[in-house]
Amino acid sequence: AEALGIAVRTPASLKGAEEQAAMAALDADVAVVAAYGLILPQAVL
């Protein structure tokens, strides 16, 4: 991602309201997940 000039985020968990709000603020059409390794809470889904 860094080589492609894409911002990287490495949270240890996505359970916190702050991380969930930060993801929602990206205003994405879709998230693509491939062997991420963390459980995605409903708010993230």
ModelCIF file with pLDDT and N, C-alpha, C, O atoms, coordinates in Angstrom:
data_MODEL
#
_entry.id   MODEL 
#
_entity.id                         1 
_entity.type                       polymer 
_entity.pdbx_number_of_molecules   1 
#
_entity_poly.entity_id                      1 
_entity_poly.type                           'polypeptide(L)' 
_entity_poly.nstd_linkage                   no 
_entity_poly.nstd_monomer                   no 
_entity_poly.pdbx_seq_one_letter_code       AEALGIAVRTPASLKGAEEQAAMAALDADVAVVAAYGLILPQAVL 
_entity_poly.pdbx_seq_one_letter_code_can   AEALGIAVRTPASLKGAEEQAAMAALDADVAVVAAYGLILPQAVL 
_entity_poly.pdbx_strand_id                 A 
#
loop_
_entity_poly_seq.entity_id 
_entity_poly_seq.num 
_entity_poly_seq.mon_id 
_entity_poly_seq.hetero 
1 1  ALA n 
1 2  GLU n 
1 3  ALA n 
1 4  LEU n 
1 5  GLY n 
1 6  ILE n 
1 7  ALA n 
1 8  VAL n 
1 9  ARG n 
1 10 THR n 
1 11 PRO n 
1 12 ALA n 
1 13 SER n 
1 14 LEU n 
1 15 LYS n 
1 16 GLY n 
1 17 ALA n 
1 18 GLU n 
1 19 GLU n 
1 20 GLN n 
1 21 ALA n 
1 22 ALA n 
1 23 MET n 
1 24 ALA n 
1 25 ALA n 
1 26 LEU n 
1 27 ASP n 
1 28 ALA n 
1 29 ASP n 
1 30 VAL n 
1 31 ALA n 
1 32 VAL n 
1 33 VAL n 
1 34 ALA n 
1 35 ALA n 
1 36 TYR n 
1 37 GLY n 
1 38 LEU n 
1 39 ILE n 
1 40 LEU n 
1 41 PRO n 
1 42 GLN n 
1 43 ALA n 
1 44 VAL n 
1 45 LEU n 
#
_struct_asym.id          A 
_struct_asym.entity_id   1 
#
loop_
_ma_qa_metric.id 
_ma_qa_metric.mode 
_ma_qa_metric.name 
_ma_qa_metric.software_group_id 
_ma_qa_metric.type 
1 global pLDDT . pLDDT 
2 local  pLDDT . pLDDT 
#
_ma_qa_metric_global.metric_id      1 
_ma_qa_metric_global.metric_value   96.62 
_ma_qa_metric_global.model_id       1 
_ma_qa_metric_global.ordinal_id     1 
#
loop_
_ma_qa_metric_local.label_asym_id 
_ma_qa_metric_local.label_comp_id 
_ma_qa_metric_local.label_seq_id 
_ma_qa_metric_local.metric_id 
_ma_qa_metric_local.metric_value 
_ma_qa_metric_local.model_id 
_ma_qa_metric_local.ordinal_id 
A ALA 1  2 98.00 1 1  
A GLU 2  2 98.00 1 2  
A ALA 3  2 98.00 1 3  
A LEU 4  2 98.00 1 4  
A GLY 5  2 98.00 1 5  
A ILE 6  2 98.00 1 6  
A ALA 7  2 98.00 1 7  
A VAL 8  2 98.00 1 8  
A ARG 9  2 98.00 1 9  
A THR 10 2 97.00 1 10 
A PRO 11 2 96.00 1 11 
A ALA 12 2 95.00 1 12 
A SER 13 2 95.00 1 13 
A LEU 14 2 96.00 1 14 
A LYS 15 2 95.00 1 15 
A GLY 16 2 95.00 1 16 
A ALA 17 2 96.00 1 17 
A GLU 18 2 96.00 1 18 
A GLU 19 2 95.00 1 19 
A GLN 20 2 97.00 1 20 
A ALA 21 2 97.00 1 21 
A ALA 22 2 96.00 1 22 
A MET 23 2 97.00 1 23 
A ALA 24 2 97.00 1 24 
A ALA 25 2 97.00 1 25 
A LEU 26 2 98.00 1 26 
A ASP 27 2 97.00 1 27 
A ALA 28 2 98.00 1 28 
A ASP 29 2 98.00 1 29 
A VAL 30 2 98.00 1 30 
A ALA 31 2 98.00 1 31 
A VAL 32 2 98.00 1 32 
A VAL 33 2 98.00 1 33 
A ALA 34 2 98.00 1 34 
A ALA 35 2 97.00 1 35 
A TYR 36 2 97.00 1 36 
A GLY 37 2 93.00 1 37 
A LEU 38 2 91.00 1 38 
A ILE 39 2 90.00 1 39 
A LEU 40 2 96.00 1 40 
A PRO 41 2 96.00 1 41 
A GLN 42 2 97.00 1 42 
A ALA 43 2 97.00 1 43 
A VAL 44 2 97.00 1 44 
A LEU 45 2 97.00 1 45 
#
loop_
_atom_site.group_PDB 
_atom_site.id 
_atom_site.type_symbol 
_atom_site.label_atom_id 
_atom_site.label_alt_id 
_atom_site.label_comp_id 
_atom_site.label_asym_id 
_atom_site.label_entity_id 
_atom_site.label_seq_id 
_atom_site.pdbx_PDB_ins_code 
_atom_site.Cartn_x 
_atom_site.Cartn_y 
_atom_site.Cartn_z 
_atom_site.occupancy 
_atom_site.B_iso_or_equiv 
_atom_site.pdbx_formal_charge 
_atom_site.auth_seq_id 
_atom_site.auth_comp_id 
_atom_site.auth_asym_id 
_atom_site.auth_atom_id 
_atom_site.pdbx_PDB_model_num 
ATOM 1   N N  . ALA A 1 1  ? 0.826   -1.203  0.000  1.00 98.00 ? 1  ALA A N  1 
ATOM 2   C CA . ALA A 1 1  ? 0.000   0.000   0.000  1.00 98.00 ? 1  ALA A CA 1 
ATOM 3   C C  . ALA A 1 1  ? 0.863   1.256   0.000  1.00 98.00 ? 1  ALA A C  1 
ATOM 4   O O  . ALA A 1 1  ? 0.585   2.203   -0.735 1.00 98.00 ? 1  ALA A O  1 
ATOM 5   N N  . GLU A 1 2  ? 1.896   1.266   0.812  1.00 98.00 ? 2  GLU A N  1 
ATOM 6   C CA . GLU A 1 2  ? 2.796   2.427   0.837  1.00 98.00 ? 2  GLU A CA 1 
ATOM 7   C C  . GLU A 1 2  ? 3.441   2.647   -0.529 1.00 98.00 ? 2  GLU A C  1 
ATOM 8   O O  . GLU A 1 2  ? 3.583   3.782   -0.983 1.00 98.00 ? 2  GLU A O  1 
ATOM 9   N N  . ALA A 1 3  ? 3.831   1.549   -1.179 1.00 98.00 ? 3  ALA A N  1 
ATOM 10  C CA . ALA A 1 3  ? 4.447   1.673   -2.499 1.00 98.00 ? 3  ALA A CA 1 
ATOM 11  C C  . ALA A 1 3  ? 3.475   2.249   -3.530 1.00 98.00 ? 3  ALA A C  1 
ATOM 12  O O  . ALA A 1 3  ? 3.889   2.883   -4.500 1.00 98.00 ? 3  ALA A O  1 
ATOM 13  N N  . LEU A 1 4  ? 2.183   2.023   -3.308 1.00 98.00 ? 4  LEU A N  1 
ATOM 14  C CA . LEU A 1 4  ? 1.153   2.528   -4.201 1.00 98.00 ? 4  LEU A CA 1 
ATOM 15  C C  . LEU A 1 4  ? 0.658   3.924   -3.805 1.00 98.00 ? 4  LEU A C  1 
ATOM 16  O O  . LEU A 1 4  ? -0.213  4.494   -4.463 1.00 98.00 ? 4  LEU A O  1 
ATOM 17  N N  . GLY A 1 5  ? 1.221   4.459   -2.732 1.00 98.00 ? 5  GLY A N  1 
ATOM 18  C CA . GLY A 1 5  ? 0.818   5.779   -2.268 1.00 98.00 ? 5  GLY A CA 1 
ATOM 19  C C  . GLY A 1 5  ? -0.512  5.806   -1.552 1.00 98.00 ? 5  GLY A C  1 
ATOM 20  O O  . GLY A 1 5  ? -1.198  6.828   -1.541 1.00 98.00 ? 5  GLY A O  1 
ATOM 21  N N  . ILE A 1 6  ? -0.881  4.682   -0.953 1.00 98.00 ? 6  ILE A N  1 
ATOM 22  C CA . ILE A 1 6  ? -2.163  4.564   -0.246 1.00 98.00 ? 6  ILE A CA 1 
ATOM 23  C C  . ILE A 1 6  ? -1.920  4.707   1.253  1.00 98.00 ? 6  ILE A C  1 
ATOM 24  O O  . ILE A 1 6  ? -0.986  4.112   1.792  1.00 98.00 ? 6  ILE A O  1 
ATOM 25  N N  . ALA A 1 7  ? -2.750  5.489   1.922  1.00 98.00 ? 7  ALA A N  1 
ATOM 26  C CA . ALA A 1 7  ? -2.641  5.648   3.375  1.00 98.00 ? 7  ALA A CA 1 
ATOM 27  C C  . ALA A 1 7  ? -2.901  4.318   4.064  1.00 98.00 ? 7  ALA A C  1 
ATOM 28  O O  . ALA A 1 7  ? -3.821  3.587   3.695  1.00 98.00 ? 7  ALA A O  1 
ATOM 29  N N  . VAL A 1 8  ? -2.081  4.006   5.073  1.00 98.00 ? 8  VAL A N  1 
ATOM 30  C CA . VAL A 1 8  ? -2.181  2.729   5.785  1.00 98.00 ? 8  VAL A CA 1 
ATOM 31  C C  . VAL A 1 8  ? -2.630  2.975   7.222  1.00 98.00 ? 8  VAL A C  1 
ATOM 32  O O  . VAL A 1 8  ? -2.130  3.877   7.895  1.00 98.00 ? 8  VAL A O  1 
ATOM 33  N N  . ARG A 1 9  ? -3.563  2.174   7.674  1.00 98.00 ? 9  ARG A N  1 
ATOM 34  C CA . ARG A 1 9  ? -4.023  2.221   9.056  1.00 98.00 ? 9  ARG A CA 1 
ATOM 35  C C  . ARG A 1 9  ? -3.820  0.840   9.676  1.00 98.00 ? 9  ARG A C  1 
ATOM 36  O O  . ARG A 1 9  ? -4.151  -0.175  9.064  1.00 98.00 ? 9  ARG A O  1 
ATOM 37  N N  . THR A 1 10 ? -3.274  0.805   10.891 1.00 97.00 ? 10 THR A N  1 
ATOM 38  C CA . THR A 1 10 ? -2.952  -0.481  11.525 1.00 97.00 ? 10 THR A CA 1 
ATOM 39  C C  . THR A 1 10 ? -3.513  -0.560  12.942 1.00 97.00 ? 10 THR A C  1 
ATOM 40  O O  . THR A 1 10 ? -2.742  -0.762  13.880 1.00 97.00 ? 10 THR A O  1 
ATOM 41  N N  . PRO A 1 11 ? -4.812  -0.409  13.135 1.00 96.00 ? 11 PRO A N  1 
ATOM 42  C CA . PRO A 1 11 ? -5.367  -0.512  14.487 1.00 96.00 ? 11 PRO A CA 1 
ATOM 43  C C  . PRO A 1 11 ? -5.250  -1.932  15.021 1.00 96.00 ? 11 PRO A C  1 
ATOM 44  O O  . PRO A 1 11 ? -5.357  -2.901  14.270 1.00 96.00 ? 11 PRO A O  1 
ATOM 45  N N  . ALA A 1 12 ? -5.031  -2.044  16.320 1.00 95.00 ? 12 ALA A N  1 
ATOM 46  C CA . ALA A 1 12 ? -4.976  -3.366  16.954 1.00 95.00 ? 12 ALA A CA 1 
ATOM 47  C C  . ALA A 1 12 ? -6.358  -3.965  17.101 1.00 95.00 ? 12 ALA A C  1 
ATOM 48  O O  . ALA A 1 12 ? -6.499  -5.178  17.255 1.00 95.00 ? 12 ALA A O  1 
ATOM 49  N N  . SER A 1 13 ? -7.382  -3.123  17.055 1.00 95.00 ? 13 SER A N  1 
ATOM 50  C CA . SER A 1 13 ? -8.767  -3.574  17.187 1.00 95.00 ? 13 SER A CA 1 
ATOM 51  C C  . SER A 1 13 ? -9.678  -2.579  16.485 1.00 95.00 ? 13 SER A C  1 
ATOM 52  O O  . SER A 1 13 ? -9.343  -1.403  16.339 1.00 95.00 ? 13 SER A O  1 
ATOM 53  N N  . LEU A 1 14 ? -10.832 -3.066  16.054 1.00 96.00 ? 14 LEU A N  1 
ATOM 54  C CA . LEU A 1 14 ? -11.842 -2.199  15.446 1.00 96.00 ? 14 LEU A CA 1 
ATOM 55  C C  . LEU A 1 14 ? -13.089 -2.094  16.319 1.00 96.00 ? 14 LEU A C  1 
ATOM 56  O O  . LEU A 1 14 ? -14.147 -1.660  15.862 1.00 96.00 ? 14 LEU A O  1 
ATOM 57  N N  . LYS A 1 15 ? -12.949 -2.495  17.573 1.00 95.00 ? 15 LYS A N  1 
ATOM 58  C CA . LYS A 1 15 ? -14.102 -2.505  18.472 1.00 95.00 ? 15 LYS A CA 1 
ATOM 59  C C  . LYS A 1 15 ? -14.423 -1.125  19.046 1.00 95.00 ? 15 LYS A C  1 
ATOM 60  O O  . LYS A 1 15 ? -15.555 -0.885  19.467 1.00 95.00 ? 15 LYS A O  1 
ATOM 61  N N  . GLY A 1 16 ? -13.459 -0.228  19.068 1.00 95.00 ? 16 GLY A N  1 
ATOM 62  C CA . GLY A 1 16 ? -13.664 1.071   19.683 1.00 95.00 ? 16 GLY A CA 1 
ATOM 63  C C  . GLY A 1 16 ? -14.461 2.020   18.798 1.00 95.00 ? 16 GLY A C  1 
ATOM 64  O O  . GLY A 1 16 ? -14.379 1.963   17.571 1.00 95.00 ? 16 GLY A O  1 
ATOM 65  N N  . ALA A 1 17 ? -15.233 2.893   19.441 1.00 96.00 ? 17 ALA A N  1 
ATOM 66  C CA . ALA A 1 17 ? -16.072 3.848   18.713 1.00 96.00 ? 17 ALA A CA 1 
ATOM 67  C C  . ALA A 1 17 ? -15.231 4.797   17.867 1.00 96.00 ? 17 ALA A C  1 
ATOM 68  O O  . ALA A 1 17 ? -15.650 5.200   16.782 1.00 96.00 ? 17 ALA A O  1 
ATOM 69  N N  . GLU A 1 18 ? -14.040 5.158   18.360 1.00 96.00 ? 18 GLU A N  1 
ATOM 70  C CA . GLU A 1 18 ? -13.198 6.100   17.624 1.00 96.00 ? 18 GLU A CA 1 
ATOM 71  C C  . GLU A 1 18 ? -12.733 5.502   16.296 1.00 96.00 ? 18 GLU A C  1 
ATOM 72  O O  . GLU A 1 18 ? -12.780 6.164   15.260 1.00 96.00 ? 18 GLU A O  1 
ATOM 73  N N  . GLU A 1 19 ? -12.284 4.244   16.337 1.00 95.00 ? 19 GLU A N  1 
ATOM 74  C CA . GLU A 1 19 ? -11.840 3.595   15.099 1.00 95.00 ? 19 GLU A CA 1 
ATOM 75  C C  . GLU A 1 19 ? -13.009 3.412   14.138 1.00 95.00 ? 19 GLU A C  1 
ATOM 76  O O  . GLU A 1 19 ? -12.859 3.597   12.930 1.00 95.00 ? 19 GLU A O  1 
ATOM 77  N N  . GLN A 1 20 ? -14.165 3.051   14.670 1.00 97.00 ? 20 GLN A N  1 
ATOM 78  C CA . GLN A 1 20 ? -15.329 2.857   13.817 1.00 97.00 ? 20 GLN A CA 1 
ATOM 79  C C  . GLN A 1 20 ? -15.765 4.165   13.160 1.00 97.00 ? 20 GLN A C  1 
ATOM 80  O O  . GLN A 1 20 ? -16.153 4.181   11.992 1.00 97.00 ? 20 GLN A O  1 
ATOM 81  N N  . ALA A 1 21 ? -15.700 5.248   13.907 1.00 97.00 ? 21 ALA A N  1 
ATOM 82  C CA . ALA A 1 21 ? -16.052 6.554   13.348 1.00 97.00 ? 21 ALA A CA 1 
ATOM 83  C C  . ALA A 1 21 ? -15.059 6.978   12.271 1.00 97.00 ? 21 ALA A C  1 
ATOM 84  O O  . ALA A 1 21 ? -15.446 7.562   11.259 1.00 97.00 ? 21 ALA A O  1 
ATOM 85  N N  . ALA A 1 22 ? -13.776 6.683   12.489 1.00 96.00 ? 22 ALA A N  1 
ATOM 86  C CA . ALA A 1 22 ? -12.753 7.034   11.515 1.00 96.00 ? 22 ALA A CA 1 
ATOM 87  C C  . ALA A 1 22 ? -12.968 6.287   10.204 1.00 96.00 ? 22 ALA A C  1 
ATOM 88  O O  . ALA A 1 22 ? -12.745 6.831   9.122  1.00 96.00 ? 22 ALA A O  1 
ATOM 89  N N  . MET A 1 23 ? -13.400 5.044   10.312 1.00 97.00 ? 23 MET A N  1 
ATOM 90  C CA . MET A 1 23 ? -13.665 4.280   9.095  1.00 97.00 ? 23 MET A CA 1 
ATOM 91  C C  . MET A 1 23 ? -14.909 4.813   8.384  1.00 97.00 ? 23 MET A C  1 
ATOM 92  O O  . MET A 1 23 ? -14.914 4.956   7.161  1.00 97.00 ? 23 MET A O  1 
ATOM 93  N N  . ALA A 1 24 ? -15.947 5.103   9.136  1.00 97.00 ? 24 ALA A N  1 
ATOM 94  C CA . ALA A 1 24 ? -17.179 5.625   8.536  1.00 97.00 ? 24 ALA A CA 1 
ATOM 95  C C  . ALA A 1 24 ? -16.929 6.958   7.834  1.00 97.00 ? 24 ALA A C  1 
ATOM 96  O O  . ALA A 1 24 ? -17.554 7.258   6.817  1.00 97.00 ? 24 ALA A O  1 
ATOM 97  N N  . ALA A 1 25 ? -16.009 7.755   8.385  1.00 97.00 ? 25 ALA A N  1 
ATOM 98  C CA . ALA A 1 25 ? -15.714 9.073   7.817  1.00 97.00 ? 25 ALA A CA 1 
ATOM 99  C C  . ALA A 1 25 ? -15.070 8.989   6.435  1.00 97.00 ? 25 ALA A C  1 
ATOM 100 O O  . ALA A 1 25 ? -15.040 9.982   5.709  1.00 97.00 ? 25 ALA A O  1 
ATOM 101 N N  . LEU A 1 26 ? -14.558 7.826   6.065  1.00 98.00 ? 26 LEU A N  1 
ATOM 102 C CA . LEU A 1 26 ? -13.970 7.666   4.743  1.00 98.00 ? 26 LEU A CA 1 
ATOM 103 C C  . LEU A 1 26 ? -15.025 7.701   3.639  1.00 98.00 ? 26 LEU A C  1 
ATOM 104 O O  . LEU A 1 26 ? -14.707 7.932   2.473  1.00 98.00 ? 26 LEU A O  1 
ATOM 105 N N  . ASP A 1 27 ? -16.281 7.469   4.018  1.00 97.00 ? 27 ASP A N  1 
ATOM 106 C CA . ASP A 1 27 ? -17.395 7.568   3.066  1.00 97.00 ? 27 ASP A CA 1 
ATOM 107 C C  . ASP A 1 27 ? -17.174 6.642   1.867  1.00 97.00 ? 27 ASP A C  1 
ATOM 108 O O  . ASP A 1 27 ? -17.219 7.074   0.715  1.00 97.00 ? 27 ASP A O  1 
ATOM 109 N N  . ALA A 1 28 ? -16.937 5.367   2.158  1.00 98.00 ? 28 ALA A N  1 
ATOM 110 C CA . ALA A 1 28 ? -16.617 4.401   1.108  1.00 98.00 ? 28 ALA A CA 1 
ATOM 111 C C  . ALA A 1 28 ? -17.873 3.784   0.505  1.00 98.00 ? 28 ALA A C  1 
ATOM 112 O O  . ALA A 1 28 ? -18.909 3.678   1.161  1.00 98.00 ? 28 ALA A O  1 
ATOM 113 N N  . ASP A 1 29 ? -17.759 3.381   -0.755 1.00 98.00 ? 29 ASP A N  1 
ATOM 114 C CA . ASP A 1 29 ? -18.823 2.614   -1.396 1.00 98.00 ? 29 ASP A CA 1 
ATOM 115 C C  . ASP A 1 29 ? -18.819 1.172   -0.905 1.00 98.00 ? 29 ASP A C  1 
ATOM 116 O O  . ASP A 1 29 ? -19.878 0.579   -0.698 1.00 98.00 ? 29 ASP A O  1 
ATOM 117 N N  . VAL A 1 30 ? -17.628 0.611   -0.718 1.00 98.00 ? 30 VAL A N  1 
ATOM 118 C CA . VAL A 1 30 ? -17.502 -0.793  -0.338 1.00 98.00 ? 30 VAL A CA 1 
ATOM 119 C C  . VAL A 1 30 ? -16.149 -1.006  0.332  1.00 98.00 ? 30 VAL A C  1 
ATOM 120 O O  . VAL A 1 30 ? -15.198 -0.265  0.083  1.00 98.00 ? 30 VAL A O  1 
ATOM 121 N N  . ALA A 1 31 ? -16.077 -2.017  1.176  1.00 98.00 ? 31 ALA A N  1 
ATOM 122 C CA . ALA A 1 31 ? -14.794 -2.466  1.721  1.00 98.00 ? 31 ALA A CA 1 
ATOM 123 C C  . ALA A 1 31 ? -14.485 -3.840  1.137  1.00 98.00 ? 31 ALA A C  1 
ATOM 124 O O  . ALA A 1 31 ? -15.357 -4.706  1.068  1.00 98.00 ? 31 ALA A O  1 
ATOM 125 N N  . VAL A 1 32 ? -13.246 -4.030  0.721  1.00 98.00 ? 32 VAL A N  1 
ATOM 126 C CA . VAL A 1 32 ? -12.781 -5.323  0.219  1.00 98.00 ? 32 VAL A CA 1 
ATOM 127 C C  . VAL A 1 32 ? -11.825 -5.908  1.253  1.00 98.00 ? 32 VAL A C  1 
ATOM 128 O O  . VAL A 1 32 ? -10.842 -5.276  1.641  1.00 98.00 ? 32 VAL A O  1 
ATOM 129 N N  . VAL A 1 33 ? -12.133 -7.127  1.691  1.00 98.00 ? 33 VAL A N  1 
ATOM 130 C CA . VAL A 1 33 ? -11.376 -7.769  2.771  1.00 98.00 ? 33 VAL A CA 1 
ATOM 131 C C  . VAL A 1 33 ? -10.728 -9.042  2.234  1.00 98.00 ? 33 VAL A C  1 
ATOM 132 O O  . VAL A 1 33 ? -11.394 -9.853  1.590  1.00 98.00 ? 33 VAL A O  1 
ATOM 133 N N  . ALA A 1 34 ? -9.436  -9.222  2.495  1.00 98.00 ? 34 ALA A N  1 
ATOM 134 C CA . ALA A 1 34 ? -8.716  -10.419 2.060  1.00 98.00 ? 34 ALA A CA 1 
ATOM 135 C C  . ALA A 1 34 ? -7.718  -10.803 3.145  1.00 98.00 ? 34 ALA A C  1 
ATOM 136 O O  . ALA A 1 34 ? -6.654  -10.197 3.270  1.00 98.00 ? 34 ALA A O  1 
ATOM 137 N N  . ALA A 1 35 ? -8.077  -11.818 3.928  1.00 97.00 ? 35 ALA A N  1 
ATOM 138 C CA . ALA A 1 35 ? -7.175  -12.326 4.973  1.00 97.00 ? 35 ALA A CA 1 
ATOM 139 C C  . ALA A 1 35 ? -6.689  -11.203 5.886  1.00 97.00 ? 35 ALA A C  1 
ATOM 140 O O  . ALA A 1 35 ? -5.493  -11.070 6.145  1.00 97.00 ? 35 ALA A O  1 
ATOM 141 N N  . TYR A 1 36 ? -7.627  -10.406 6.363  1.00 97.00 ? 36 TYR A N  1 
ATOM 142 C CA . TYR A 1 36 ? -7.260  -9.283  7.225  1.00 97.00 ? 36 TYR A CA 1 
ATOM 143 C C  . TYR A 1 36 ? -6.792  -9.755  8.600  1.00 97.00 ? 36 TYR A C  1 
ATOM 144 O O  . TYR A 1 36 ? -5.755  -9.306  9.087  1.00 97.00 ? 36 TYR A O  1 
ATOM 145 N N  . GLY A 1 37 ? -7.539  -10.644 9.221  1.00 93.00 ? 37 GLY A N  1 
ATOM 146 C CA . GLY A 1 37 ? -7.093  -11.204 10.496 1.00 93.00 ? 37 GLY A CA 1 
ATOM 147 C C  . GLY A 1 37 ? -7.741  -10.624 11.726 1.00 93.00 ? 37 GLY A C  1 
ATOM 148 O O  . GLY A 1 37 ? -7.411  -11.038 12.837 1.00 93.00 ? 37 GLY A O  1 
ATOM 149 N N  . LEU A 1 38 ? -8.660  -9.671  11.572 1.00 91.00 ? 38 LEU A N  1 
ATOM 150 C CA . LEU A 1 38 ? -9.410  -9.136  12.710 1.00 91.00 ? 38 LEU A CA 1 
ATOM 151 C C  . LEU A 1 38 ? -10.900 -9.319  12.473 1.00 91.00 ? 38 LEU A C  1 
ATOM 152 O O  . LEU A 1 38 ? -11.380 -9.235  11.342 1.00 91.00 ? 38 LEU A O  1 
ATOM 153 N N  . ILE A 1 39 ? -11.625 -9.571  13.559 1.00 90.00 ? 39 ILE A N  1 
ATOM 154 C CA . ILE A 1 39 ? -13.083 -9.654  13.486 1.00 90.00 ? 39 ILE A CA 1 
ATOM 155 C C  . ILE A 1 39 ? -13.650 -8.265  13.201 1.00 90.00 ? 39 ILE A C  1 
ATOM 156 O O  . ILE A 1 39 ? -13.238 -7.283  13.820 1.00 90.00 ? 39 ILE A O  1 
ATOM 157 N N  . LEU A 1 40 ? -14.584 -8.186  12.272 1.00 96.00 ? 40 LEU A N  1 
ATOM 158 C CA . LEU A 1 40 ? -15.200 -6.905  11.937 1.00 96.00 ? 40 LEU A CA 1 
ATOM 159 C C  . LEU A 1 40 ? -16.520 -6.760  12.680 1.00 96.00 ? 40 LEU A C  1 
ATOM 160 O O  . LEU A 1 40 ? -17.448 -7.529  12.432 1.00 96.00 ? 40 LEU A O  1 
ATOM 161 N N  . PRO A 1 41 ? -16.626 -5.782  13.594 1.00 96.00 ? 41 PRO A N  1 
ATOM 162 C CA . PRO A 1 41 ? -17.891 -5.542  14.293 1.00 96.00 ? 41 PRO A CA 1 
ATOM 163 C C  . PRO A 1 41 ? -18.973 -5.095  13.303 1.00 96.00 ? 41 PRO A C  1 
ATOM 164 O O  . PRO A 1 41 ? -18.675 -4.684  12.182 1.00 96.00 ? 41 PRO A O  1 
ATOM 165 N N  . GLN A 1 42 ? -20.224 -5.183  13.738 1.00 97.00 ? 42 GLN A N  1 
ATOM 166 C CA . GLN A 1 42 ? -21.328 -4.827  12.859 1.00 97.00 ? 42 GLN A CA 1 
ATOM 167 C C  . GLN A 1 42 ? -21.223 -3.392  12.354 1.00 97.00 ? 42 GLN A C  1 
ATOM 168 O O  . GLN A 1 42 ? -21.562 -3.108  11.205 1.00 97.00 ? 42 GLN A O  1 
ATOM 169 N N  . ALA A 1 43 ? -20.757 -2.491  13.207 1.00 97.00 ? 43 ALA A N  1 
ATOM 170 C CA . ALA A 1 43 ? -20.630 -1.090  12.791 1.00 97.00 ? 43 ALA A CA 1 
ATOM 171 C C  . ALA A 1 43 ? -19.653 -0.943  11.629 1.00 97.00 ? 43 ALA A C  1 
ATOM 172 O O  . ALA A 1 43 ? -19.846 -0.090  10.763 1.00 97.00 ? 43 ALA A O  1 
ATOM 173 N N  . VAL A 1 44 ? -18.626 -1.750  11.605 1.00 97.00 ? 44 VAL A N  1 
ATOM 174 C CA . VAL A 1 44 ? -17.663 -1.719  10.503 1.00 97.00 ? 44 VAL A CA 1 
ATOM 175 C C  . VAL A 1 44 ? -18.271 -2.343  9.248  1.00 97.00 ? 44 VAL A C  1 
ATOM 176 O O  . VAL A 1 44 ? -18.100 -1.818  8.148  1.00 97.00 ? 44 VAL A O  1 
ATOM 177 N N  . LEU A 1 45 ? -18.977 -3.460  9.409  1.00 97.00 ? 45 LEU A N  1 
ATOM 178 C CA . LEU A 1 45 ? -19.623 -4.106  8.275  1.00 97.00 ? 45 LEU A CA 1 
ATOM 179 C C  . LEU A 1 45 ? -20.635 -3.181  7.599  1.00 97.00 ? 45 LEU A C  1 
ATOM 180 O O  . LEU A 1 45 ? -21.271 -3.571  6.621  1.00 97.00 ? 45 LEU A O  1 
#
